Amino acid sequence: MLSALSKKKIGAITGVSVSLFLVMATPAMAQASKTLVVARPADIFTFDPYNTQDDRSMFTQLTVVAEDGMSATFKLREDVTFWNGNLLTADDVVFSLTRAIDQTGSWGFLFSPIQSVEAVDAHTVKFVMSEPFAPLLPALSTFAASIYEEANFVARGDTAGANPMGTGAFMLESWNRGQEVVLIANPNYWQDVKPSVDKLIFRVVGDETARTLQLASGGIQVATDVPANQIDQIVAGGGKIVTVGGSAVGFVTMNQKKKPFDEAAVRCAMAWAVDRESIARSIYFGRAAAAKSILPTSTFFYDADTSPIGFDLEKARALLATSTVPDGFSFTATVPSGDNTKLSIAQIWAASLAQIGITMNIEQIEATTAQELYNTEQFTMRISAWTNDTPDADQLMGVALDYQPQNGLHSSYRNDAARDLVLAGRSELDPVKRQTIYTELQELVNRDCPFIYTVEEDRIFAISPRLEGFVPNSQGKYSFENVTLEN
C-alpha cells in the first residue's frame, strides 16, 4: 500500500475541528540500504484511483468536515512537493477530486452529493454540495480520493495509470506486471521524520503457503492474507502475527445476469445452506465467527439484530421449491488459486448445497485474473471477502446496493427501495436516524439475499521479527513510513 500521510489542523467550522490529510502514492527513504519486501496474493491493476477496483492500487487522500453540510473549505500545507520536486497546489487537488466525483467513474457514487471542487487560492480548496453529506470525511479518506499531479497525468495520457506522480515517502521505481512493484525513497518528501526503509517491494505470491515459507526464509518481511491454520507454524518459526478484527466479512457475489441467480428465492436458499459455524470452527480455528450482516462488525451502524441468515437446510429446500429450479441446478464458483481458505469455504458450502440438489463446481483461477473476471463481470459466482475502506456503512451499502455506478458491486442487483435508502443514509446528518436507515437496509439484505455473507474474519498479517512499527489501521490498511527494519 502506497501512502504518506500529511496532517494539518485547519481550524473549526461550527464547532467541529477540521483536519486535513494529504496522502499520495508512496515509496521509501534512504538509510543503510534497507529493503522491505511484502508478499501479497495479487498484483495491482492501475495507479489511477479513478479506475481501480482493488484496494491494493492507491495513493494518498484528503479528509475534511462540512459547515451546514452544503460546503467545506480547507487549507493545504505549503511545503508539500511531488516526487519530481514540483509544488503541490490547489489545482492538483481540484483536478484529482473532480475526477473522483465523476459519477461515471468506478467510485463516483461515494461522492455523489459533491457538485464541485474549487480552488479558492493556491493553497485553499472548497467543496460545494447539493445536499448534506454525512459520510464526507470517510469518503475523502478512501483511495478513490487520492491526490496526484495534474501536469503529469495530462502529459502521460492513457499511460498515466502506470506512471503515477504523488507526494508520499516512497515513489515508483518499477512495475513488473504480475510480478512486483518496486518503490524507492522520495528525496523530496516533506515530513521531517523520514522512513528508515530505503526500498519497498510488493511481490505477487499467490500461494498462501509459499508466502509463509518465504517469511520463514527471510525472503520477505511481511505476508498479507495469512490463513489462521498457519499462525502456529509462523510463530514457532520466530515470526510475529498482527491481526485486525471486525473489519472483514466473507462475501459471496452472484452474477444476477445469469439465471437462476436473478431469483431471490434461489439466492436465499443458497444463503441458508451456508454452515457458518462449521466454517468458523474448522477453517479459522477461533479467529472467525458466523457473520450476521454484510457489514463488518466494526462498521458504523452495524446491527446484528436484523433477522440474520443462519444454517437451515429445511428452510433452504422450502425456498428453492418456490423458485423456477425446485429440483436444483449446477453452476461454477470462482476462488483464487493458492487461497486454501476460500477453497475450503467453497468445499464446505458445496457439500451442504448438494443436500438441496444444487451442484457447485469449484474453479480455481490465479488471483489477479480472477479479479479481472470479476471487474469485467465475466464470472458466475465469486467467493471472496469484503473490507470497508472506512468505518462508515455508506461505502459498502453504496457500492453494493446503489446500482448506477458499479452495477451493484458487479452483481447486476436492482432494487429501487434499497437504492433510495442508501441515498437517504448519505444525506441524513442525525446519527440516530442514520442507524434506523442502515438497520432497514440490513433487514432488506437478509430478506432479498443480493449477496451472501459467510463469516466475520480477522485480517491477519505475518511479519519478520526484524520489523517494528507495522501497525495497520482499524480497517486493515497499512503503510510503511513509520516502520524500522533491523539488520
Protein backbone atom coordinates (compact mmCIF):
# COMPACT_ATOMS: atom_id res chain seq x y z
CA MET A 1 0.00 0.00 0.00
CA LEU A 2 1.39 3.32 -1.05
CA SER A 3 0.70 6.06 1.45
CA ALA A 4 2.31 9.02 3.11
CA LEU A 5 0.14 10.96 5.49
CA SER A 6 0.30 14.69 5.97
CA LYS A 7 -1.93 16.06 8.67
CA LYS A 8 -2.56 19.69 9.48
CA LYS A 9 -5.27 21.10 11.72
CA ILE A 10 -7.04 23.89 9.87
CA GLY A 11 -9.49 25.26 12.40
CA ALA A 12 -13.06 24.73 13.43
CA ILE A 13 -16.24 25.01 11.42
CA THR A 14 -19.37 25.50 13.51
CA GLY A 15 -17.62 23.99 16.48
CA VAL A 16 -16.19 21.00 14.60
CA SER A 17 -12.43 20.61 14.45
CA VAL A 18 -11.26 20.02 10.89
CA SER A 19 -8.14 18.11 9.94
CA LEU A 20 -6.62 17.89 6.50
CA PHE A 21 -4.92 14.71 5.37
CA LEU A 22 -2.82 14.65 2.25
CA VAL A 23 -1.77 11.24 1.16
CA MET A 24 -0.22 10.22 -2.09
CA ALA A 25 1.46 7.27 -3.69
CA THR A 26 4.44 6.35 -1.55
CA PRO A 27 7.99 4.92 -1.91
CA ALA A 28 10.86 4.83 0.72
CA MET A 29 13.52 6.97 2.33
CA ALA A 30 17.16 6.02 2.37
CA GLN A 31 19.33 4.77 5.16
CA ALA A 32 21.86 1.98 5.16
CA SER A 33 20.43 0.08 2.19
CA LYS A 34 17.36 -1.48 3.80
CA THR A 35 14.82 -3.22 1.59
CA LEU A 36 11.41 -4.31 2.84
CA VAL A 37 9.55 -6.98 0.85
CA VAL A 38 5.81 -7.54 1.16
CA ALA A 39 4.16 -10.64 -0.32
CA ARG A 40 0.58 -10.21 -1.43
CA PRO A 41 -1.70 -12.64 -3.28
CA ALA A 42 -2.36 -10.47 -6.34
CA ASP A 43 -0.94 -7.62 -8.39
CA ILE A 44 -2.47 -4.16 -8.71
CA PHE A 45 -4.31 -3.12 -11.89
CA THR A 46 -3.51 0.57 -12.16
CA PHE A 47 -2.15 3.52 -10.21
CA ASP A 48 -5.12 5.59 -11.40
CA PRO A 49 -7.61 5.86 -8.48
CA TYR A 50 -10.41 6.80 -10.89
CA ASN A 51 -10.37 3.36 -12.47
CA THR A 52 -9.07 0.98 -9.81
CA GLN A 53 -11.37 -1.58 -8.22
CA ASP A 54 -8.99 -3.22 -5.79
CA ASP A 55 -7.62 -1.59 -2.66
CA ARG A 56 -4.04 -2.60 -3.47
CA SER A 57 -3.92 0.24 -6.00
CA MET A 58 -3.75 3.56 -4.20
CA PHE A 59 -2.14 6.92 -3.49
CA THR A 60 -2.99 9.17 -0.55
CA GLN A 61 -6.05 11.18 0.32
CA LEU A 62 -7.77 14.23 1.82
CA THR A 63 -10.05 14.41 4.84
CA VAL A 64 -12.49 17.16 5.79
CA VAL A 65 -15.71 18.16 7.54
CA ALA A 66 -18.55 20.45 6.49
CA GLU A 67 -20.31 23.53 7.82
CA ASP A 68 -24.05 23.14 7.22
CA GLY A 69 -23.45 20.07 5.17
CA MET A 70 -23.50 22.12 1.96
CA SER A 71 -19.86 23.22 1.71
CA ALA A 72 -16.42 22.60 3.15
CA THR A 73 -13.22 24.61 2.86
CA PHE A 74 -9.70 23.67 3.78
CA LYS A 75 -6.15 24.84 3.66
CA LEU A 76 -3.32 22.82 2.15
CA ARG A 77 0.18 22.60 3.50
CA GLU A 78 2.52 24.91 1.60
CA ASP A 79 5.63 22.72 1.91
CA VAL A 80 4.48 19.57 0.07
CA THR A 81 6.11 18.68 -3.25
CA PHE A 82 5.61 15.87 -5.69
CA TRP A 83 8.34 13.30 -6.29
CA ASN A 84 9.67 15.42 -9.14
CA GLY A 85 10.07 18.45 -6.86
CA ASN A 86 7.05 20.38 -8.18
CA LEU A 87 4.92 22.07 -5.53
CA LEU A 88 1.52 20.61 -4.69
CA THR A 89 -1.19 23.23 -5.26
CA ALA A 90 -4.94 23.53 -5.02
CA ASP A 91 -5.14 22.96 -8.77
CA ASP A 92 -3.79 19.42 -8.31
CA VAL A 93 -6.39 18.74 -5.62
CA VAL A 94 -9.18 20.16 -7.77
CA PHE A 95 -8.06 18.07 -10.75
CA SER A 96 -7.80 14.84 -8.74
CA LEU A 97 -11.07 15.22 -6.87
CA THR A 98 -13.05 16.46 -9.86
CA ARG A 99 -12.17 13.14 -11.47
CA ALA A 100 -13.04 11.32 -8.24
CA ILE A 101 -16.56 12.78 -8.00
CA ASP A 102 -17.36 11.96 -11.65
CA GLN A 103 -20.46 9.79 -11.35
CA THR A 104 -19.42 7.69 -14.34
CA GLY A 105 -16.20 6.64 -12.58
CA SER A 106 -15.72 3.46 -10.56
CA TRP A 107 -16.15 5.19 -7.20
CA GLY A 108 -18.04 8.37 -8.07
CA PHE A 109 -21.04 7.22 -6.03
CA LEU A 110 -19.01 7.75 -2.86
CA PHE A 111 -19.07 11.49 -3.55
CA SER A 112 -22.49 11.86 -5.20
CA PRO A 113 -23.59 14.96 -3.20
CA ILE A 114 -20.43 16.89 -4.13
CA GLN A 115 -21.30 19.20 -7.03
CA SER A 116 -17.90 20.80 -7.49
CA VAL A 117 -14.38 21.18 -6.14
CA GLU A 118 -12.98 24.71 -6.44
CA ALA A 119 -9.62 26.38 -5.87
CA VAL A 120 -10.11 29.45 -3.66
CA ASP A 121 -6.40 30.27 -3.95
CA ALA A 122 -3.16 28.34 -4.47
CA HIS A 123 -3.49 26.58 -1.11
CA THR A 124 -7.23 26.59 -0.37
CA VAL A 125 -9.87 24.20 -1.69
CA LYS A 126 -13.66 24.38 -1.37
CA PHE A 127 -16.26 21.64 -1.82
CA VAL A 128 -19.81 22.56 -2.80
CA MET A 129 -22.55 20.02 -2.04
CA SER A 130 -26.05 19.64 -3.46
CA GLU A 131 -27.32 18.35 -0.11
CA PRO A 132 -25.94 17.48 3.32
CA PHE A 133 -23.32 14.75 3.06
CA ALA A 134 -22.92 12.76 6.28
CA PRO A 135 -20.01 10.47 5.25
CA LEU A 136 -17.92 13.22 3.64
CA LEU A 137 -14.92 12.68 5.91
CA PRO A 138 -14.83 8.90 5.48
CA ALA A 139 -15.32 9.21 1.71
CA LEU A 140 -12.40 11.60 1.38
CA SER A 141 -10.17 9.19 3.30
CA THR A 142 -10.61 6.42 0.72
CA PHE A 143 -8.18 5.59 -2.07
CA ALA A 144 -10.75 6.97 -4.51
CA ALA A 145 -9.95 10.47 -3.19
CA SER A 146 -6.23 10.20 -3.87
CA ILE A 147 -4.33 13.35 -4.88
CA TYR A 148 -1.83 13.30 -7.76
CA GLU A 149 -0.12 15.81 -10.03
CA GLU A 150 -2.30 17.25 -12.79
CA ALA A 151 0.60 18.06 -15.14
CA ASN A 152 1.99 14.53 -15.02
CA PHE A 153 -1.42 12.95 -15.52
CA VAL A 154 -2.25 15.13 -18.51
CA ALA A 155 1.17 14.61 -20.10
CA ARG A 156 1.00 10.83 -19.65
CA GLY A 157 -2.47 10.48 -21.14
CA ASP A 158 -3.53 6.84 -21.43
CA THR A 159 -0.37 5.66 -19.65
CA ALA A 160 -0.97 7.75 -16.50
CA GLY A 161 -2.21 4.70 -14.63
CA ALA A 162 1.23 3.12 -14.97
CA ASN A 163 3.22 6.32 -14.39
CA PRO A 164 1.98 7.98 -11.18
CA MET A 165 3.25 11.18 -9.58
CA GLY A 166 2.48 11.54 -5.87
CA THR A 167 3.93 13.17 -2.78
CA GLY A 168 4.48 10.25 -0.42
CA ALA A 169 7.55 8.92 1.31
CA PHE A 170 8.01 6.27 -1.38
CA MET A 171 7.90 6.67 -5.15
CA LEU A 172 7.60 4.24 -8.01
CA GLU A 173 10.83 2.81 -9.43
CA SER A 174 9.42 -0.06 -11.48
CA TRP A 175 6.35 -2.18 -12.01
CA ASN A 176 6.74 -5.67 -13.48
CA ARG A 177 3.11 -6.54 -14.06
CA GLY A 178 2.02 -9.74 -12.38
CA GLN A 179 5.33 -9.96 -10.51
CA GLU A 180 6.21 -6.99 -8.31
CA VAL A 181 6.04 -3.25 -7.68
CA VAL A 182 9.29 -1.61 -6.50
CA LEU A 183 9.23 1.69 -4.59
CA ILE A 184 12.22 3.77 -3.56
CA ALA A 185 12.90 6.75 -1.31
CA ASN A 186 11.39 10.09 -2.26
CA PRO A 187 14.18 12.69 -1.93
CA ASN A 188 11.58 15.48 -1.82
CA TYR A 189 9.46 14.04 0.98
CA TRP A 190 8.11 16.92 3.09
CA GLN A 191 7.90 15.23 6.50
CA ASP A 192 10.72 15.87 9.00
CA VAL A 193 10.94 12.27 10.19
CA LYS A 194 11.92 10.18 7.20
CA PRO A 195 11.22 6.44 6.83
CA SER A 196 14.15 4.22 7.72
CA VAL A 197 13.46 1.81 4.85
CA ASP A 198 15.00 2.82 1.53
CA LYS A 199 13.29 0.33 -0.76
CA LEU A 200 9.86 -1.24 -0.61
CA ILE A 201 8.88 -4.20 -2.79
CA PHE A 202 5.34 -5.52 -3.17
CA ARG A 203 5.74 -9.03 -4.56
CA VAL A 204 2.95 -11.15 -6.00
CA VAL A 205 2.91 -14.52 -4.24
CA GLY A 206 -0.46 -16.12 -4.90
CA ASP A 207 0.01 -19.25 -2.83
CA GLU A 208 -0.54 -18.63 0.87
CA THR A 209 1.79 -21.45 1.93
CA ALA A 210 4.55 -20.01 -0.26
CA ARG A 211 4.15 -16.64 1.48
CA THR A 212 4.63 -18.32 4.85
CA LEU A 213 7.72 -20.20 3.68
CA GLN A 214 9.27 -17.05 2.22
CA LEU A 215 8.73 -15.24 5.51
CA ALA A 216 10.47 -18.07 7.40
CA SER A 217 13.42 -18.00 4.99
CA GLY A 218 13.80 -14.23 5.23
CA GLY A 219 12.89 -13.66 1.59
CA ILE A 220 10.06 -11.35 2.63
CA GLN A 221 9.34 -9.33 5.76
CA VAL A 222 5.54 -9.03 5.53
CA ALA A 223 2.98 -11.60 4.40
CA THR A 224 -0.60 -10.45 3.94
CA ASP A 225 -3.75 -12.59 3.83
CA VAL A 226 -2.39 -15.16 6.27
CA PRO A 227 -4.67 -18.18 6.86
CA ALA A 228 -5.46 -18.98 10.50
CA ASN A 229 -4.15 -22.54 10.21
CA GLN A 230 -0.61 -21.26 9.59
CA ILE A 231 -0.35 -18.99 12.61
CA ASP A 232 1.18 -21.58 14.93
CA GLN A 233 3.80 -22.51 12.33
CA ILE A 234 4.71 -18.86 11.77
CA VAL A 235 5.06 -18.14 15.49
CA ALA A 236 7.07 -21.32 16.06
CA GLY A 237 9.45 -20.16 13.34
CA GLY A 238 10.01 -16.81 15.04
CA GLY A 239 7.54 -14.75 13.03
CA LYS A 240 5.12 -12.25 14.56
CA ILE A 241 1.37 -12.04 13.95
CA VAL A 242 -0.55 -8.78 13.57
CA THR A 243 -4.34 -9.00 13.45
CA VAL A 244 -7.19 -6.58 12.83
CA GLY A 245 -10.60 -7.78 13.93
CA GLY A 246 -14.06 -6.62 12.97
CA SER A 247 -13.15 -5.13 9.61
CA ALA A 248 -13.70 -8.01 7.17
CA VAL A 249 -16.56 -10.35 6.32
CA GLY A 250 -16.66 -13.33 3.98
CA PHE A 251 -18.60 -12.29 0.91
CA VAL A 252 -20.19 -14.14 -1.99
CA THR A 253 -21.18 -12.22 -5.12
CA MET A 254 -23.54 -13.76 -7.66
CA ASN A 255 -23.78 -12.54 -11.24
CA GLN A 256 -27.51 -11.99 -11.42
CA LYS A 257 -27.42 -11.62 -15.20
CA LYS A 258 -27.05 -15.41 -15.16
CA LYS A 259 -30.10 -17.47 -14.29
CA PRO A 260 -31.27 -18.58 -11.80
CA PHE A 261 -29.34 -16.08 -9.65
CA ASP A 262 -31.81 -13.39 -10.65
CA GLU A 263 -34.33 -15.04 -8.30
CA ALA A 264 -34.34 -14.05 -4.62
CA ALA A 265 -35.68 -17.50 -3.67
CA VAL A 266 -32.63 -19.17 -5.21
CA ARG A 267 -30.16 -16.74 -3.64
CA CYS A 268 -31.76 -17.05 -0.20
CA ALA A 269 -31.95 -20.85 -0.44
CA MET A 270 -28.21 -20.89 -1.05
CA ALA A 271 -27.63 -18.42 1.77
CA TRP A 272 -29.46 -20.62 4.27
CA ALA A 273 -27.28 -23.55 3.15
CA VAL A 274 -24.05 -21.93 4.40
CA ASP A 275 -22.87 -23.67 7.58
CA ARG A 276 -21.15 -20.61 9.04
CA GLU A 277 -20.41 -22.18 12.42
CA SER A 278 -18.59 -25.12 10.81
CA ILE A 279 -16.62 -22.78 8.58
CA ALA A 280 -15.57 -20.61 11.53
CA ARG A 281 -14.59 -23.62 13.63
CA SER A 282 -12.85 -25.86 11.11
CA ILE A 283 -11.18 -23.29 8.86
CA TYR A 284 -10.47 -20.27 11.08
CA PHE A 285 -9.60 -22.00 14.39
CA GLY A 286 -11.40 -19.48 16.58
CA ARG A 287 -10.38 -16.41 14.58
CA ALA A 288 -13.77 -16.03 12.92
CA ALA A 289 -17.43 -16.04 13.86
CA ALA A 290 -20.64 -16.64 11.96
CA ALA A 291 -21.47 -13.38 10.18
CA LYS A 292 -24.87 -11.76 10.76
CA SER A 293 -24.69 -8.95 8.23
CA ILE A 294 -22.89 -8.00 5.04
CA LEU A 295 -21.39 -5.15 7.11
CA PRO A 296 -18.25 -5.94 9.13
CA THR A 297 -18.89 -5.55 12.87
CA SER A 298 -16.59 -2.55 13.30
CA THR A 299 -18.59 -0.57 10.74
CA PHE A 300 -20.77 2.31 11.91
CA PHE A 301 -24.47 1.32 12.10
CA TYR A 302 -23.80 -2.42 12.07
CA ASP A 303 -26.83 -4.23 13.52
CA ALA A 304 -26.79 -7.95 14.28
CA ASP A 305 -30.48 -7.93 15.26
CA THR A 306 -31.92 -7.75 11.75
CA SER A 307 -33.18 -11.35 11.31
CA PRO A 308 -29.77 -12.64 10.21
CA ILE A 309 -29.47 -15.67 7.95
CA GLY A 310 -28.31 -18.87 9.63
CA PHE A 311 -27.88 -22.52 8.63
CA ASP A 312 -31.16 -24.34 7.97
CA LEU A 313 -31.34 -26.86 5.15
CA GLU A 314 -35.08 -27.38 5.53
CA LYS A 315 -35.66 -23.68 5.06
CA ALA A 316 -33.25 -23.74 2.13
CA ARG A 317 -35.23 -26.55 0.47
CA ALA A 318 -38.51 -24.76 1.05
CA LEU A 319 -37.19 -21.57 -0.56
CA LEU A 320 -35.77 -23.45 -3.54
CA ALA A 321 -39.12 -25.19 -4.01
CA THR A 322 -40.74 -21.80 -4.73
CA SER A 323 -38.24 -20.99 -7.49
CA THR A 324 -38.08 -21.93 -11.16
CA VAL A 325 -35.49 -24.61 -10.31
CA PRO A 326 -37.13 -26.54 -7.45
CA ASP A 327 -35.06 -29.65 -8.16
CA GLY A 328 -31.78 -27.78 -8.19
CA PHE A 329 -29.17 -26.82 -10.79
CA SER A 330 -25.41 -26.70 -11.41
CA PHE A 331 -23.08 -23.71 -11.51
CA THR A 332 -19.40 -22.77 -11.22
CA ALA A 333 -17.92 -20.73 -8.35
CA THR A 334 -14.56 -18.98 -8.67
CA VAL A 335 -11.91 -18.89 -5.94
CA PRO A 336 -8.34 -17.54 -6.23
CA SER A 337 -5.77 -20.28 -6.76
CA GLY A 338 -3.48 -20.74 -3.78
CA ASP A 339 -6.15 -19.45 -1.37
CA ASN A 340 -6.87 -22.62 0.57
CA THR A 341 -9.13 -20.74 2.99
CA LYS A 342 -11.57 -19.67 0.27
CA LEU A 343 -11.30 -23.12 -1.32
CA SER A 344 -12.25 -24.78 1.96
CA ILE A 345 -15.22 -22.43 2.39
CA ALA A 346 -16.40 -23.39 -1.09
CA GLN A 347 -16.00 -27.09 -0.36
CA ILE A 348 -17.97 -26.98 2.90
CA TRP A 349 -20.70 -24.95 1.23
CA ALA A 350 -20.78 -27.28 -1.80
CA ALA A 351 -21.41 -30.25 0.48
CA SER A 352 -24.43 -28.50 2.02
CA LEU A 353 -25.76 -27.32 -1.34
CA ALA A 354 -25.61 -30.88 -2.65
CA GLN A 355 -28.15 -31.85 0.02
CA ILE A 356 -30.73 -29.49 -1.51
CA GLY A 357 -30.00 -30.51 -5.11
CA ILE A 358 -27.55 -27.76 -6.10
CA THR A 359 -24.17 -28.75 -7.58
CA MET A 360 -21.31 -26.29 -7.13
CA ASN A 361 -18.32 -26.79 -9.41
CA ILE A 362 -15.27 -25.01 -7.98
CA GLU A 363 -12.86 -23.27 -10.34
CA GLN A 364 -9.51 -22.02 -9.05
CA ILE A 365 -8.08 -19.09 -11.02
CA GLU A 366 -4.93 -17.01 -10.49
CA ALA A 367 -5.86 -14.15 -8.15
CA THR A 368 -5.21 -11.22 -10.49
CA THR A 369 -7.06 -12.95 -13.33
CA ALA A 370 -9.95 -13.80 -11.02
CA GLN A 371 -10.18 -10.13 -10.02
CA GLU A 372 -10.22 -9.07 -13.66
CA LEU A 373 -13.02 -11.52 -14.50
CA TYR A 374 -14.99 -10.05 -11.62
CA ASN A 375 -14.24 -6.44 -12.64
CA THR A 376 -15.48 -7.16 -16.16
CA GLU A 377 -18.46 -9.23 -14.93
CA GLN A 378 -17.34 -12.39 -16.69
CA PHE A 379 -17.94 -14.57 -13.64
CA THR A 380 -20.83 -16.62 -12.30
CA MET A 381 -20.16 -16.65 -8.56
CA ARG A 382 -17.20 -15.20 -6.68
CA ILE A 383 -16.18 -16.27 -3.17
CA SER A 384 -14.10 -13.57 -1.52
CA ALA A 385 -14.18 -11.17 1.43
CA TRP A 386 -15.11 -7.52 1.91
CA THR A 387 -13.21 -4.95 3.95
CA ASN A 388 -14.59 -1.43 4.21
CA ASP A 389 -12.01 1.23 3.44
CA THR A 390 -13.71 3.48 6.02
CA PRO A 391 -15.71 2.74 9.16
CA ASP A 392 -18.88 4.20 7.61
CA ALA A 393 -21.63 1.91 6.29
CA ASP A 394 -22.12 4.09 3.22
CA GLN A 395 -19.20 2.63 1.31
CA LEU A 396 -20.39 -0.98 1.21
CA MET A 397 -24.09 -0.16 1.06
CA GLY A 398 -23.39 2.34 -1.71
CA VAL A 399 -21.27 0.09 -3.89
CA ALA A 400 -23.48 -2.96 -3.33
CA LEU A 401 -26.99 -1.51 -3.41
CA ASP A 402 -26.70 1.69 -5.46
CA TYR A 403 -26.82 0.02 -8.85
CA GLN A 404 -25.97 3.01 -11.03
CA PRO A 405 -22.19 3.34 -10.60
CA GLN A 406 -20.76 -0.16 -10.25
CA ASN A 407 -23.72 -2.31 -11.28
CA GLY A 408 -24.44 -3.44 -7.73
CA LEU A 409 -20.87 -4.49 -6.97
CA HIS A 410 -20.81 -6.24 -10.37
CA SER A 411 -23.82 -8.35 -9.36
CA SER A 412 -26.45 -6.59 -11.55
CA TYR A 413 -28.69 -6.45 -8.46
CA ARG A 414 -31.53 -3.94 -8.87
CA ASN A 415 -33.76 -2.74 -6.02
CA ASP A 416 -35.08 0.82 -6.06
CA ALA A 417 -36.12 0.69 -2.39
CA ALA A 418 -32.59 -0.26 -1.40
CA ARG A 419 -31.09 2.50 -3.53
CA ASP A 420 -33.46 5.08 -2.05
CA LEU A 421 -32.39 4.05 1.46
CA VAL A 422 -28.71 4.32 0.51
CA LEU A 423 -29.23 7.86 -0.76
CA ALA A 424 -31.25 8.76 2.35
CA GLY A 425 -28.49 7.47 4.63
CA ARG A 426 -25.92 9.52 2.76
CA SER A 427 -27.79 12.82 3.25
CA GLU A 428 -29.01 12.25 6.83
CA LEU A 429 -26.83 14.02 9.40
CA ASP A 430 -28.62 12.70 12.52
CA PRO A 431 -26.77 9.51 13.60
CA VAL A 432 -29.89 8.09 15.27
CA LYS A 433 -31.85 8.43 12.05
CA ARG A 434 -28.93 7.04 10.06
CA GLN A 435 -28.95 3.97 12.31
CA THR A 436 -32.64 3.42 11.51
CA ILE A 437 -31.90 3.62 7.78
CA TYR A 438 -28.98 1.20 7.87
CA THR A 439 -30.84 -1.22 10.11
CA GLU A 440 -33.62 -1.28 7.50
CA LEU A 441 -31.03 -1.88 4.77
CA GLN A 442 -29.55 -4.84 6.64
CA GLU A 443 -33.04 -6.29 7.11
CA LEU A 444 -33.68 -5.86 3.38
CA VAL A 445 -30.46 -7.69 2.53
CA ASN A 446 -31.42 -10.56 4.81
CA ARG A 447 -34.80 -10.85 3.03
CA ASP A 448 -33.58 -10.46 -0.57
CA CYS A 449 -30.11 -12.02 -0.33
CA PRO A 450 -28.42 -9.95 -3.07
CA PHE A 451 -25.11 -11.06 -1.54
CA ILE A 452 -24.29 -13.93 0.79
CA TYR A 453 -22.14 -13.37 3.86
CA THR A 454 -20.22 -16.23 5.45
CA VAL A 455 -18.03 -15.43 8.47
CA GLU A 456 -16.64 -12.41 10.25
CA GLU A 457 -12.90 -12.89 9.84
CA ASP A 458 -9.76 -11.24 11.20
CA ARG A 459 -7.33 -9.53 8.84
CA ILE A 460 -4.11 -11.43 9.60
CA PHE A 461 -0.57 -10.35 8.72
CA ALA A 462 2.68 -12.16 9.47
CA ILE A 463 5.84 -10.09 9.88
CA SER A 464 9.53 -10.68 10.40
CA PRO A 465 10.90 -10.26 13.94
CA ARG A 466 13.25 -7.69 12.35
CA LEU A 467 10.32 -5.41 11.58
CA GLU A 468 8.98 -2.85 14.07
CA GLY A 469 6.23 -0.28 13.74
CA PHE A 470 3.98 -2.16 11.32
CA VAL A 471 0.55 -1.10 12.55
CA PRO A 472 -2.46 -1.49 10.21
CA ASN A 473 -5.35 0.82 10.97
CA SER A 474 -8.81 -0.26 12.12
CA GLN A 475 -9.80 -1.17 8.57
CA GLY A 476 -6.70 -3.27 7.96
CA LYS A 477 -4.97 -0.68 5.75
CA TYR A 478 -1.22 -0.27 6.18
CA SER A 479 1.67 2.00 5.29
CA PHE A 480 5.43 1.89 5.86
CA GLU A 481 6.73 5.39 6.58
CA ASN A 482 6.99 4.62 10.31
CA VAL A 483 8.45 1.12 10.23
CA THR A 484 12.02 0.16 11.06
CA LEU A 485 13.86 -2.89 9.75
CA GLU A 486 16.69 -4.14 11.94
CA ASN A 487 19.75 -5.78 10.42
